[in-house]
Amino acid sequence: LNIKIILDHCEFGTDNIIKQLALFKLDGCSVGKLRSHVGRRAHSFLGYYPNDIFFVPSKDSADRLMNHTINKFRHVIISGFPYNLFTNNNKIELKKIKKFFSENNKKFIILLVDGAHSQNKTFSANQMLATDSLNNFYIALFDKLSKVDDIGIIIKTKKLSSLQSLKKTYNKALDLKKKGICYIVEDPFQKFPSLYSTIVNLVIATGQSYPGALIDCILRKKRGVFFDISNLKSIEPEWYQWGKKKVIFNDITELLKNVLEYKNDEMGNKNFGNWGNQVDILDSYKDNLGSERIGQYLNILLKGFKNKLSSSEAISSANYEFAKNWGSDKILQ
């Protein structure tokens, strides 16, 4: 079929090896883009991204992939946030959520984002956030926040079944929904938390690892905090150094105290949930055009192959044009 470019998100199995061997023999290339931000010092994601060209939203995400995972990239391109969130269906849902909270007089909206949970009773599956710990997290938040008249809560979990299996949490959330306090994203699979972050005042996340969903919200210039149940201090010492008790907490009482203080004085509380001085973590473009930049790069790459250039020549041509338009610091090799 004379395939020269594969844009693929396959992360597991031998298919990656087969495709790379075929592309090498065809003098083609593979292209990928970041799906989940990774922790430092974890050196995980073994062989997940065997791509010649890889797009990332920020300098920090590039550093994490290049220096803290077991992957080899020929070219890493900093493109900005790569997705268009505002499809017609997404706009309709956001409008529905705004109406829900407006009708119930909720003016300060909080987005809750979690991670996968498990009883961790077997070694045959990945060890996740302890189910009891996640239940306790939600119930503590519900008990405190539901008592404030104008606070609304959006729950965006990865899969609805994951939330439903937290029986105490789910039943409480349904009760709060009836009272006009809580909106549950009923069809959350493959929807971005960052979509919902565009209509909230604050994002609160938790999980067993570096919170990719929270970072995507931060890329949208939102205030956000992380409740560190699993204690990431040994893996993320730099984060703790600048962000402890500002954007990362491990005491739920202290977190909730800060949430209410920020709610009562958003303008005067400059540090809580504020990632603004972490320029490497943020999307340096701030224009929501990451998908267009990736498309333009791929178009130049395709033209190079159509003009009978080798893989190296086609990539060099695309890199040159990207650097000319957006800066040589956006291409890492």
C-alpha atoms as a PDB file:
ATOM      1  CA  LEU A   1       0.000   0.000   0.000  1.00  0.00           C
ATOM      2  CA  ASN A   2       3.088   2.254  -0.041  1.00  0.00           C
ATOM      3  CA  ILE A   3       2.390   3.570   3.457  1.00  0.00           C
ATOM      4  CA  LYS A   4       4.958   6.122   4.595  1.00  0.00           C
ATOM      5  CA  ILE A   5       3.325   7.654   7.671  1.00  0.00           C
ATOM      6  CA  ILE A   6       1.489   5.906  10.496  1.00  0.00           C
ATOM      7  CA  LEU A   7      -0.385   8.026  13.027  1.00  0.00           C
ATOM      8  CA  ASP A   8      -1.248   5.472  15.671  1.00  0.00           C
ATOM      9  CA  HIS A   9      -1.975   5.206  19.377  1.00  0.00           C
ATOM     10  CA  CYS A  10      -1.390   1.498  19.867  1.00  0.00           C
ATOM     11  CA  GLU A  11       0.554   1.168  23.124  1.00  0.00           C
ATOM     12  CA  PHE A  12       0.715  -2.543  23.882  1.00  0.00           C
ATOM     13  CA  GLY A  13       1.703  -5.843  22.295  1.00  0.00           C
ATOM     14  CA  THR A  14       3.891  -6.848  19.403  1.00  0.00           C
ATOM     15  CA  ASP A  15       2.030  -4.717  16.837  1.00  0.00           C
ATOM     16  CA  ASN A  16       4.306  -1.793  17.646  1.00  0.00           C
ATOM     17  CA  ILE A  17       7.392  -3.855  16.825  1.00  0.00           C
ATOM     18  CA  ILE A  18       5.913  -5.165  13.564  1.00  0.00           C
ATOM     19  CA  LYS A  19       4.876  -1.698  12.400  1.00  0.00           C
ATOM     20  CA  GLN A  20       8.255  -0.170  13.196  1.00  0.00           C
ATOM     21  CA  LEU A  21      10.078  -2.934  11.321  1.00  0.00           C
ATOM     22  CA  ALA A  22       7.829  -2.446   8.289  1.00  0.00           C
ATOM     23  CA  LEU A  23       8.237   1.346   8.359  1.00  0.00           C
ATOM     24  CA  PHE A  24      12.000   1.009   8.641  1.00  0.00           C
ATOM     25  CA  LYS A  25      12.089  -1.217   5.553  1.00  0.00           C
ATOM     26  CA  LEU A  26       9.803   1.220   3.697  1.00  0.00           C
ATOM     27  CA  ASP A  27      11.830   4.255   4.862  1.00  0.00           C
ATOM     28  CA  GLY A  28       8.680   5.685   6.422  1.00  0.00           C
ATOM     29  CA  CYS A  29       7.970   7.114   9.878  1.00  0.00           C
ATOM     30  CA  SER A  30       5.530   6.808  12.765  1.00  0.00           C
ATOM     31  CA  VAL A  31       3.852   9.724  14.507  1.00  0.00           C
ATOM     32  CA  GLY A  32       2.387   9.838  18.011  1.00  0.00           C
ATOM     33  CA  LYS A  33       1.102  12.354  20.527  1.00  0.00           C
ATOM     34  CA  LEU A  34       0.926  12.439  24.293  1.00  0.00           C
ATOM     35  CA  ARG A  35      -2.086  10.760  25.853  1.00  0.00           C
ATOM     36  CA  SER A  36      -1.114  10.789  29.526  1.00  0.00           C
ATOM     37  CA  HIS A  37       1.422  12.871  31.437  1.00  0.00           C
ATOM     38  CA  VAL A  38       3.968  10.737  33.277  1.00  0.00           C
ATOM     39  CA  GLY A  39       5.650  10.908  36.657  1.00  0.00           C
ATOM     40  CA  ARG A  40       9.291  11.682  37.242  1.00  0.00           C
ATOM     41  CA  ARG A  41      11.751   9.029  38.372  1.00  0.00           C
ATOM     42  CA  ALA A  42       9.239   6.330  37.501  1.00  0.00           C
ATOM     43  CA  HIS A  43      10.951   5.153  34.281  1.00  0.00           C
ATOM     44  CA  SER A  44       7.784   3.390  33.230  1.00  0.00           C
ATOM     45  CA  PHE A  45       5.873   3.343  29.934  1.00  0.00           C
ATOM     46  CA  LEU A  46       8.371   0.803  28.575  1.00  0.00           C
ATOM     47  CA  GLY A  47       8.116   0.841  24.784  1.00  0.00           C
ATOM     48  CA  TYR A  48       4.724   2.583  24.790  1.00  0.00           C
ATOM     49  CA  TYR A  49       5.769   5.218  22.276  1.00  0.00           C
ATOM     50  CA  PRO A  50       8.211   3.860  19.668  1.00  0.00           C
ATOM     51  CA  ASN A  51       7.605   6.882  17.440  1.00  0.00           C
ATOM     52  CA  ASP A  52       9.934   8.754  15.132  1.00  0.00           C
ATOM     53  CA  ILE A  53       7.960  11.963  15.698  1.00  0.00           C
ATOM     54  CA  PHE A  54       6.105  12.661  18.923  1.00  0.00           C
ATOM     55  CA  PHE A  55       3.956  15.697  19.761  1.00  0.00           C
ATOM     56  CA  VAL A  56       3.675  17.011  23.332  1.00  0.00           C
ATOM     57  CA  PRO A  57       1.845  20.032  24.779  1.00  0.00           C
ATOM     58  CA  SER A  58       4.643  21.514  26.893  1.00  0.00           C
ATOM     59  CA  LYS A  59       8.346  21.552  27.706  1.00  0.00           C
ATOM     60  CA  ASP A  60       7.733  19.690  30.967  1.00  0.00           C
ATOM     61  CA  SER A  61       5.875  16.850  29.251  1.00  0.00           C
ATOM     62  CA  ALA A  62       8.732  16.553  26.752  1.00  0.00           C
ATOM     63  CA  ASP A  63      11.307  16.333  29.552  1.00  0.00           C
ATOM     64  CA  ARG A  64       9.286  13.693  31.382  1.00  0.00           C
ATOM     65  CA  LEU A  65       8.981  11.491  28.311  1.00  0.00           C
ATOM     66  CA  MET A  66      12.583  11.876  27.172  1.00  0.00           C
ATOM     67  CA  ASN A  67      14.261  11.554  30.568  1.00  0.00           C
ATOM     68  CA  HIS A  68      11.838   9.644  32.788  1.00  0.00           C
ATOM     69  CA  THR A  69      10.423   6.899  30.564  1.00  0.00           C
ATOM     70  CA  ILE A  70      12.069   4.006  28.766  1.00  0.00           C
ATOM     71  CA  ASN A  71      11.373   5.238  25.231  1.00  0.00           C
ATOM     72  CA  LYS A  72      13.521   6.491  22.381  1.00  0.00           C
ATOM     73  CA  PHE A  73      12.271   9.312  20.174  1.00  0.00           C
ATOM     74  CA  ARG A  74      13.966  10.705  17.086  1.00  0.00           C
ATOM     75  CA  HIS A  75      12.094  14.000  17.273  1.00  0.00           C
ATOM     76  CA  VAL A  76       9.871  15.474  20.000  1.00  0.00           C
ATOM     77  CA  ILE A  77       7.767  18.461  18.921  1.00  0.00           C
ATOM     78  CA  ILE A  78       6.169  20.867  21.401  1.00  0.00           C
ATOM     79  CA  SER A  79       2.859  21.637  19.717  1.00  0.00           C
ATOM     80  CA  GLY A  80       0.582  22.859  22.525  1.00  0.00           C
ATOM     81  CA  PHE A  81      -2.642  21.178  23.645  1.00  0.00           C
ATOM     82  CA  PRO A  82      -3.529  18.940  20.683  1.00  0.00           C
ATOM     83  CA  TYR A  83      -7.316  18.577  20.873  1.00  0.00           C
ATOM     84  CA  ASN A  84     -10.321  20.669  19.915  1.00  0.00           C
ATOM     85  CA  LEU A  85     -12.635  20.376  22.922  1.00  0.00           C
ATOM     86  CA  PHE A  86     -15.517  22.400  21.612  1.00  0.00           C
ATOM     87  CA  THR A  87     -17.349  20.046  19.288  1.00  0.00           C
ATOM     88  CA  ASN A  88     -21.077  20.622  18.818  1.00  0.00           C
ATOM     89  CA  ASN A  89     -22.008  17.789  21.199  1.00  0.00           C
ATOM     90  CA  ASN A  90     -19.601  19.083  23.837  1.00  0.00           C
ATOM     91  CA  LYS A  91     -21.014  22.600  23.556  1.00  0.00           C
ATOM     92  CA  ILE A  92     -24.520  21.212  24.080  1.00  0.00           C
ATOM     93  CA  GLU A  93     -23.403  19.335  27.197  1.00  0.00           C
ATOM     94  CA  LEU A  94     -21.640  22.378  28.664  1.00  0.00           C
ATOM     95  CA  LYS A  95     -24.763  24.441  28.086  1.00  0.00           C
ATOM     96  CA  LYS A  96     -26.814  21.762  29.876  1.00  0.00           C
ATOM     97  CA  ILE A  97     -24.462  21.806  32.875  1.00  0.00           C
ATOM     98  CA  LYS A  98     -24.505  25.592  33.103  1.00  0.00           C
ATOM     99  CA  LYS A  99     -28.315  25.548  33.076  1.00  0.00           C
ATOM    100  CA  PHE A 100     -28.369  22.885  35.813  1.00  0.00           C
ATOM    101  CA  PHE A 101     -26.255  24.981  38.158  1.00  0.00           C
ATOM    102  CA  SER A 102     -27.917  28.268  37.233  1.00  0.00           C
ATOM    103  CA  GLU A 103     -31.381  26.882  38.040  1.00  0.00           C
ATOM    104  CA  ASN A 104     -30.042  25.747  41.430  1.00  0.00           C
ATOM    105  CA  ASN A 105     -28.248  29.039  42.207  1.00  0.00           C
ATOM    106  CA  LYS A 106     -24.762  27.519  42.218  1.00  0.00           C
ATOM    107  CA  LYS A 107     -22.124  30.123  41.404  1.00  0.00           C
ATOM    108  CA  PHE A 108     -18.830  28.532  42.499  1.00  0.00           C
ATOM    109  CA  ILE A 109     -18.324  25.293  40.567  1.00  0.00           C
ATOM    110  CA  ILE A 110     -15.757  22.615  41.433  1.00  0.00           C
ATOM    111  CA  LEU A 111     -14.682  19.801  39.121  1.00  0.00           C
ATOM    112  CA  LEU A 112     -13.679  16.537  40.823  1.00  0.00           C
ATOM    113  CA  VAL A 113     -11.349  14.218  38.896  1.00  0.00           C
ATOM    114  CA  ASP A 114     -10.156  10.857  40.175  1.00  0.00           C
ATOM    115  CA  GLY A 115      -8.053   7.866  39.147  1.00  0.00           C
ATOM    116  CA  ALA A 116      -8.616   4.130  38.872  1.00  0.00           C
ATOM    117  CA  HIS A 117      -9.255   2.349  42.154  1.00  0.00           C
ATOM    118  CA  SER A 118      -9.067  -1.228  43.378  1.00  0.00           C
ATOM    119  CA  GLN A 119      -9.050  -3.378  46.494  1.00  0.00           C
ATOM    120  CA  ASN A 120      -5.488  -4.385  45.409  1.00  0.00           C
ATOM    121  CA  LYS A 121      -5.980  -7.974  46.460  1.00  0.00           C
ATOM    122  CA  THR A 122      -4.165  -9.571  43.533  1.00  0.00           C
ATOM    123  CA  PHE A 123      -0.776  -9.218  41.860  1.00  0.00           C
ATOM    124  CA  SER A 124      -2.272 -10.079  38.460  1.00  0.00           C
ATOM    125  CA  ALA A 125      -3.487  -6.503  37.967  1.00  0.00           C
ATOM    126  CA  ASN A 126      -1.892  -3.095  38.384  1.00  0.00           C
ATOM    127  CA  GLN A 127      -1.992  -1.740  41.921  1.00  0.00           C
ATOM    128  CA  MET A 128      -4.285   1.254  42.002  1.00  0.00           C
ATOM    129  CA  LEU A 129      -5.707   3.818  44.372  1.00  0.00           C
ATOM    130  CA  ALA A 130      -7.253   1.984  47.305  1.00  0.00           C
ATOM    131  CA  THR A 131     -11.036   1.903  46.989  1.00  0.00           C
ATOM    132  CA  ASP A 132     -11.581   2.826  50.633  1.00  0.00           C
ATOM    133  CA  SER A 133      -9.230   5.801  50.334  1.00  0.00           C
ATOM    134  CA  LEU A 134     -11.092   7.144  47.303  1.00  0.00           C
ATOM    135  CA  ASN A 135     -14.441   6.653  49.035  1.00  0.00           C
ATOM    136  CA  ASN A 136     -13.188   8.597  52.046  1.00  0.00           C
ATOM    137  CA  PHE A 137     -11.905  11.382  49.778  1.00  0.00           C
ATOM    138  CA  TYR A 138     -15.273  11.876  48.107  1.00  0.00           C
ATOM    139  CA  ILE A 139     -17.343  11.641  51.279  1.00  0.00           C
ATOM    140  CA  ALA A 140     -15.136  14.205  53.047  1.00  0.00           C
ATOM    141  CA  LEU A 141     -15.554  16.621  50.137  1.00  0.00           C
ATOM    142  CA  PHE A 142     -19.292  16.041  49.894  1.00  0.00           C
ATOM    143  CA  ASP A 143     -19.850  16.535  53.616  1.00  0.00           C
ATOM    144  CA  LYS A 144     -18.011  19.871  53.652  1.00  0.00           C
ATOM    145  CA  LEU A 145     -18.839  21.403  50.288  1.00  0.00           C
ATOM    146  CA  SER A 146     -22.531  20.492  50.162  1.00  0.00           C
ATOM    147  CA  LYS A 147     -23.134  22.681  53.209  1.00  0.00           C
ATOM    148  CA  VAL A 148     -22.160  25.831  51.300  1.00  0.00           C
ATOM    149  CA  ASP A 149     -25.241  27.134  49.506  1.00  0.00           C
ATOM    150  CA  ASP A 150     -23.695  28.375  46.249  1.00  0.00           C
ATOM    151  CA  ILE A 151     -21.146  25.581  45.589  1.00  0.00           C
ATOM    152  CA  GLY A 152     -21.817  23.160  42.750  1.00  0.00           C
ATOM    153  CA  ILE A 153     -19.843  19.979  42.022  1.00  0.00           C
ATOM    154  CA  ILE A 154     -19.099  18.217  38.735  1.00  0.00           C
ATOM    155  CA  ILE A 155     -17.876  14.618  38.961  1.00  0.00           C
ATOM    156  CA  LYS A 156     -15.872  13.446  35.942  1.00  0.00           C
ATOM    157  CA  THR A 157     -14.568   9.939  36.465  1.00  0.00           C
ATOM    158  CA  LYS A 158     -12.859   7.885  33.751  1.00  0.00           C
ATOM    159  CA  LYS A 159     -15.670   5.333  33.578  1.00  0.00           C
ATOM    160  CA  LEU A 160     -19.097   5.585  35.166  1.00  0.00           C
ATOM    161  CA  SER A 161     -18.805   1.989  36.373  1.00  0.00           C
ATOM    162  CA  SER A 162     -15.772   3.031  38.405  1.00  0.00           C
ATOM    163  CA  LEU A 163     -17.840   5.641  40.237  1.00  0.00           C
ATOM    164  CA  GLN A 164     -20.789   3.275  40.642  1.00  0.00           C
ATOM    165  CA  SER A 165     -18.554   0.685  42.304  1.00  0.00           C
ATOM    166  CA  LEU A 166     -17.857   3.269  45.013  1.00  0.00           C
ATOM    167  CA  LYS A 167     -21.311   2.537  46.402  1.00  0.00           C
ATOM    168  CA  LYS A 168     -21.276   4.958  49.318  1.00  0.00           C
ATOM    169  CA  THR A 169     -19.893   7.749  47.131  1.00  0.00           C
ATOM    170  CA  TYR A 170     -22.268   7.082  44.247  1.00  0.00           C
ATOM    171  CA  ASN A 171     -25.368   6.997  46.443  1.00  0.00           C
ATOM    172  CA  LYS A 172     -24.327  10.257  48.086  1.00  0.00           C
ATOM    173  CA  ALA A 173     -23.657  11.825  44.668  1.00  0.00           C
ATOM    174  CA  LEU A 174     -27.121  10.806  43.445  1.00  0.00           C
ATOM    175  CA  ASP A 175     -28.657  12.380  46.548  1.00  0.00           C
ATOM    176  CA  LEU A 176     -26.731  15.610  45.931  1.00  0.00           C
ATOM    177  CA  LYS A 177     -27.807  15.517  42.291  1.00  0.00           C
ATOM    178  CA  LYS A 178     -31.480  15.516  43.375  1.00  0.00           C
ATOM    179  CA  LYS A 179     -30.727  18.550  45.522  1.00  0.00           C
ATOM    180  CA  GLY A 180     -29.164  20.414  42.593  1.00  0.00           C
ATOM    181  CA  ILE A 181     -25.648  20.324  44.049  1.00  0.00           C
ATOM    182  CA  CYS A 182     -23.879  17.661  42.001  1.00  0.00           C
ATOM    183  CA  TYR A 183     -23.710  17.006  38.266  1.00  0.00           C
ATOM    184  CA  ILE A 184     -22.458  13.526  37.311  1.00  0.00           C
ATOM    185  CA  VAL A 185     -20.995  13.111  33.828  1.00  0.00           C
ATOM    186  CA  GLU A 186     -23.040  10.080  32.776  1.00  0.00           C
ATOM    187  CA  ASP A 187     -21.020   9.209  29.668  1.00  0.00           C
ATOM    188  CA  PRO A 188     -17.441  10.066  30.697  1.00  0.00           C
ATOM    189  CA  PHE A 189     -15.451   7.533  28.665  1.00  0.00           C
ATOM    190  CA  GLN A 190     -12.974   9.212  26.281  1.00  0.00           C
ATOM    191  CA  LYS A 191     -14.133  12.681  27.290  1.00  0.00           C
ATOM    192  CA  PHE A 192     -11.537  15.147  28.490  1.00  0.00           C
ATOM    193  CA  PRO A 193     -11.765  16.525  32.035  1.00  0.00           C
ATOM    194  CA  SER A 194     -10.298  19.702  30.556  1.00  0.00           C
ATOM    195  CA  LEU A 195     -13.581  20.179  28.669  1.00  0.00           C
ATOM    196  CA  TYR A 196     -15.478  20.541  31.935  1.00  0.00           C
ATOM    197  CA  SER A 197     -12.716  22.628  33.476  1.00  0.00           C
ATOM    198  CA  THR A 198     -13.579  25.440  31.062  1.00  0.00           C
ATOM    199  CA  ILE A 199     -16.771  26.204  33.040  1.00  0.00           C
ATOM    200  CA  VAL A 200     -15.540  25.752  36.622  1.00  0.00           C
ATOM    201  CA  ASN A 201     -13.770  27.863  39.225  1.00  0.00           C
ATOM    202  CA  LEU A 202     -11.529  25.123  40.590  1.00  0.00           C
ATOM    203  CA  VAL A 203     -10.358  21.598  39.748  1.00  0.00           C
ATOM    204  CA  ILE A 204      -9.657  19.080  42.520  1.00  0.00           C
ATOM    205  CA  ALA A 205      -7.976  15.833  41.487  1.00  0.00           C
ATOM    206  CA  THR A 206      -6.651  12.727  43.158  1.00  0.00           C
ATOM    207  CA  GLY A 207      -5.067   9.481  42.013  1.00  0.00           C
ATOM    208  CA  GLN A 208      -2.232   7.049  42.545  1.00  0.00           C
ATOM    209  CA  SER A 209       0.183   8.694  40.081  1.00  0.00           C
ATOM    210  CA  TYR A 210       1.074  11.997  38.440  1.00  0.00           C
ATOM    211  CA  PRO A 211      -2.321  13.501  37.507  1.00  0.00           C
ATOM    212  CA  GLY A 212      -2.452  13.797  33.749  1.00  0.00           C
ATOM    213  CA  ALA A 213      -6.115  14.850  33.797  1.00  0.00           C
ATOM    214  CA  LEU A 214      -5.344  17.713  36.186  1.00  0.00           C
ATOM    215  CA  ILE A 215      -2.382  18.866  34.093  1.00  0.00           C
ATOM    216  CA  ASP A 216      -4.603  18.996  30.994  1.00  0.00           C
ATOM    217  CA  CYS A 217      -6.932  21.289  32.958  1.00  0.00           C
ATOM    218  CA  ILE A 218      -3.967  23.421  34.028  1.00  0.00           C
ATOM    219  CA  LEU A 219      -3.039  23.786  30.361  1.00  0.00           C
ATOM    220  CA  ARG A 220      -6.416  25.519  30.013  1.00  0.00           C
ATOM    221  CA  LYS A 221      -5.189  28.120  32.544  1.00  0.00           C
ATOM    222  CA  LYS A 222      -7.386  26.833  35.349  1.00  0.00           C
ATOM    223  CA  ARG A 223      -6.721  26.797  39.080  1.00  0.00           C
ATOM    224  CA  GLY A 224      -6.223  23.229  40.212  1.00  0.00           C
ATOM    225  CA  VAL A 225      -5.075  21.203  43.226  1.00  0.00           C
ATOM    226  CA  PHE A 226      -4.107  17.604  43.814  1.00  0.00           C
ATOM    227  CA  PHE A 227      -4.909  15.523  46.882  1.00  0.00           C
ATOM    228  CA  ASP A 228      -1.932  13.183  47.165  1.00  0.00           C
ATOM    229  CA  ILE A 229      -3.317  10.012  48.712  1.00  0.00           C
ATOM    230  CA  SER A 230      -0.452   7.776  47.590  1.00  0.00           C
ATOM    231  CA  ASN A 231       2.392  10.120  48.682  1.00  0.00           C
ATOM    232  CA  LEU A 232       4.340  11.064  45.541  1.00  0.00           C
ATOM    233  CA  LYS A 233       6.956  13.126  47.360  1.00  0.00           C
ATOM    234  CA  SER A 234       9.840  10.753  46.584  1.00  0.00           C
ATOM    235  CA  ILE A 235       8.905  10.748  42.878  1.00  0.00           C
ATOM    236  CA  GLU A 236       7.969  14.429  42.543  1.00  0.00           C
ATOM    237  CA  PRO A 237      10.286  16.327  44.931  1.00  0.00           C
ATOM    238  CA  GLU A 238      10.435  19.394  42.657  1.00  0.00           C
ATOM    239  CA  TRP A 239       6.666  19.609  42.595  1.00  0.00           C
ATOM    240  CA  TYR A 240       6.504  19.370  46.381  1.00  0.00           C
ATOM    241  CA  GLN A 241       9.229  21.986  46.734  1.00  0.00           C
ATOM    242  CA  TRP A 242       7.256  24.729  44.999  1.00  0.00           C
ATOM    243  CA  GLY A 243       3.710  23.419  45.281  1.00  0.00           C
ATOM    244  CA  LYS A 244       3.218  21.965  48.778  1.00  0.00           C
ATOM    245  CA  LYS A 245       0.130  23.456  50.422  1.00  0.00           C
ATOM    246  CA  LYS A 246      -0.422  25.515  47.263  1.00  0.00           C
ATOM    247  CA  VAL A 247      -1.358  22.997  44.595  1.00  0.00           C
ATOM    248  CA  ILE A 248      -0.596  19.671  46.288  1.00  0.00           C
ATOM    249  CA  PHE A 249      -2.027  18.535  49.639  1.00  0.00           C
ATOM    250  CA  ASN A 250      -2.067  15.339  51.677  1.00  0.00           C
ATOM    251  CA  ASP A 251      -4.345  16.473  54.507  1.00  0.00           C
ATOM    252  CA  ILE A 252      -8.004  16.599  53.485  1.00  0.00           C
ATOM    253  CA  THR A 253      -8.985  18.999  56.284  1.00  0.00           C
ATOM    254  CA  GLU A 254      -6.293  21.465  55.235  1.00  0.00           C
ATOM    255  CA  LEU A 255      -7.273  21.130  51.580  1.00  0.00           C
ATOM    256  CA  LEU A 256     -10.934  21.854  52.286  1.00  0.00           C
ATOM    257  CA  LYS A 257     -10.017  24.813  54.492  1.00  0.00           C
ATOM    258  CA  ASN A 258      -8.038  26.301  51.609  1.00  0.00           C
ATOM    259  CA  VAL A 259     -10.822  25.580  49.116  1.00  0.00           C
ATOM    260  CA  LEU A 260     -13.332  27.592  51.156  1.00  0.00           C
ATOM    261  CA  GLU A 261     -10.853  30.429  51.742  1.00  0.00           C
ATOM    262  CA  TYR A 262     -10.237  30.638  48.001  1.00  0.00           C
ATOM    263  CA  LYS A 263     -13.964  30.483  47.278  1.00  0.00           C
ATOM    264  CA  ASN A 264     -14.582  33.423  49.585  1.00  0.00           C
ATOM    265  CA  ASP A 265     -11.724  35.515  48.174  1.00  0.00           C
ATOM    266  CA  GLU A 266     -10.639  34.388  44.703  1.00  0.00           C
ATOM    267  CA  MET A 267      -8.910  37.645  43.811  1.00  0.00           C
ATOM    268  CA  GLY A 268      -7.037  37.934  47.095  1.00  0.00           C
ATOM    269  CA  ASN A 269      -5.808  34.331  47.180  1.00  0.00           C
ATOM    270  CA  LYS A 270      -2.944  34.362  44.707  1.00  0.00           C
ATOM    271  CA  ASN A 271      -1.209  31.078  45.559  1.00  0.00           C
ATOM    272  CA  PHE A 272      -3.902  28.449  46.037  1.00  0.00           C
ATOM    273  CA  GLY A 273      -4.255  26.276  42.947  1.00  0.00           C
ATOM    274  CA  ASN A 274      -2.087  28.678  40.947  1.00  0.00           C
ATOM    275  CA  TRP A 275       0.385  27.099  38.473  1.00  0.00           C
ATOM    276  CA  GLY A 276       1.028  30.366  36.641  1.00  0.00           C
ATOM    277  CA  ASN A 277       4.741  30.635  37.451  1.00  0.00           C
ATOM    278  CA  GLN A 278       5.449  27.062  36.265  1.00  0.00           C
ATOM    279  CA  VAL A 279       5.991  28.094  32.670  1.00  0.00           C
ATOM    280  CA  ASP A 280       7.483  24.760  31.547  1.00  0.00           C
ATOM    281  CA  ILE A 281       4.350  22.910  32.658  1.00  0.00           C
ATOM    282  CA  LEU A 282       1.959  25.301  30.933  1.00  0.00           C
ATOM    283  CA  ASP A 283       1.088  25.425  27.248  1.00  0.00           C
ATOM    284  CA  SER A 284       3.419  28.174  26.054  1.00  0.00           C
ATOM    285  CA  TYR A 285       1.259  28.932  22.993  1.00  0.00           C
ATOM    286  CA  LYS A 286      -1.973  29.667  24.898  1.00  0.00           C
ATOM    287  CA  ASP A 287      -3.956  29.772  21.645  1.00  0.00           C
ATOM    288  CA  ASN A 288      -5.796  26.404  21.424  1.00  0.00           C
ATOM    289  CA  LEU A 289      -4.232  25.763  18.012  1.00  0.00           C
ATOM    290  CA  GLY A 290      -2.184  22.663  18.856  1.00  0.00           C
ATOM    291  CA  SER A 291      -4.220  20.456  16.522  1.00  0.00           C
ATOM    292  CA  GLU A 292      -3.666  22.887  13.640  1.00  0.00           C
ATOM    293  CA  ARG A 293       0.084  22.950  14.229  1.00  0.00           C
ATOM    294  CA  ILE A 294       0.194  19.145  14.164  1.00  0.00           C
ATOM    295  CA  GLY A 295      -1.884  19.117  10.969  1.00  0.00           C
ATOM    296  CA  GLN A 296       0.412  21.619   9.276  1.00  0.00           C
ATOM    297  CA  TYR A 297       3.481  19.585  10.275  1.00  0.00           C
ATOM    298  CA  LEU A 298       1.980  16.369   8.886  1.00  0.00           C
ATOM    299  CA  ASN A 299       1.005  18.135   5.666  1.00  0.00           C
ATOM    300  CA  ILE A 300       4.617  19.230   5.067  1.00  0.00           C
ATOM    301  CA  LEU A 301       5.819  15.736   5.951  1.00  0.00           C
ATOM    302  CA  LEU A 302       3.406  14.179   3.447  1.00  0.00           C
ATOM    303  CA  LYS A 303       4.462  16.611   0.711  1.00  0.00           C
ATOM    304  CA  GLY A 304       8.069  15.610   1.323  1.00  0.00           C
ATOM    305  CA  PHE A 305       7.285  11.945   0.776  1.00  0.00           C
ATOM    306  CA  LYS A 306       5.250  12.770  -2.341  1.00  0.00           C
ATOM    307  CA  ASN A 307       8.311  14.612  -3.658  1.00  0.00           C
ATOM    308  CA  LYS A 308      10.353  11.408  -3.230  1.00  0.00           C
ATOM    309  CA  LEU A 309      12.315  12.638  -0.217  1.00  0.00           C
ATOM    310  CA  SER A 310      13.760  10.079   2.164  1.00  0.00           C
ATOM    311  CA  SER A 311      12.294   9.774   5.640  1.00  0.00           C
ATOM    312  CA  SER A 312      15.132  11.797   7.170  1.00  0.00           C
ATOM    313  CA  GLU A 313      14.820  14.493   4.498  1.00  0.00           C
ATOM    314  CA  ALA A 314      11.031  14.742   4.837  1.00  0.00           C
ATOM    315  CA  ILE A 315      11.251  15.027   8.619  1.00  0.00           C
ATOM    316  CA  SER A 316      14.037  17.616   8.370  1.00  0.00           C
ATOM    317  CA  SER A 317      11.894  19.676   6.010  1.00  0.00           C
ATOM    318  CA  ALA A 318       8.897  19.541   8.366  1.00  0.00           C
ATOM    319  CA  ASN A 319      11.115  20.398  11.337  1.00  0.00           C
ATOM    320  CA  TYR A 320      12.592  23.349   9.500  1.00  0.00           C
ATOM    321  CA  GLU A 321       9.200  24.832   8.667  1.00  0.00           C
ATOM    322  CA  PHE A 322       7.873  24.238  12.192  1.00  0.00           C
ATOM    323  CA  ALA A 323      10.933  25.892  13.751  1.00  0.00           C
ATOM    324  CA  LYS A 324      10.647  28.828  11.363  1.00  0.00           C
ATOM    325  CA  ASN A 325       7.016  29.396  12.375  1.00  0.00           C
ATOM    326  CA  TRP A 326       7.131  28.575  16.068  1.00  0.00           C
ATOM    327  CA  GLY A 327      10.756  28.632  17.214  1.00  0.00           C
ATOM    328  CA  SER A 328      13.645  26.167  17.212  1.00  0.00           C
ATOM    329  CA  ASP A 329      13.150  25.626  20.961  1.00  0.00           C
ATOM    330  CA  LYS A 330       9.949  23.731  20.141  1.00  0.00           C
ATOM    331  CA  ILE A 331      11.830  20.865  18.485  1.00  0.00           C
ATOM    332  CA  LEU A 332      13.858  18.481  20.656  1.00  0.00           C
ATOM    333  CA  GLN A 333      16.024  15.736  19.185  1.00  0.00           C
END
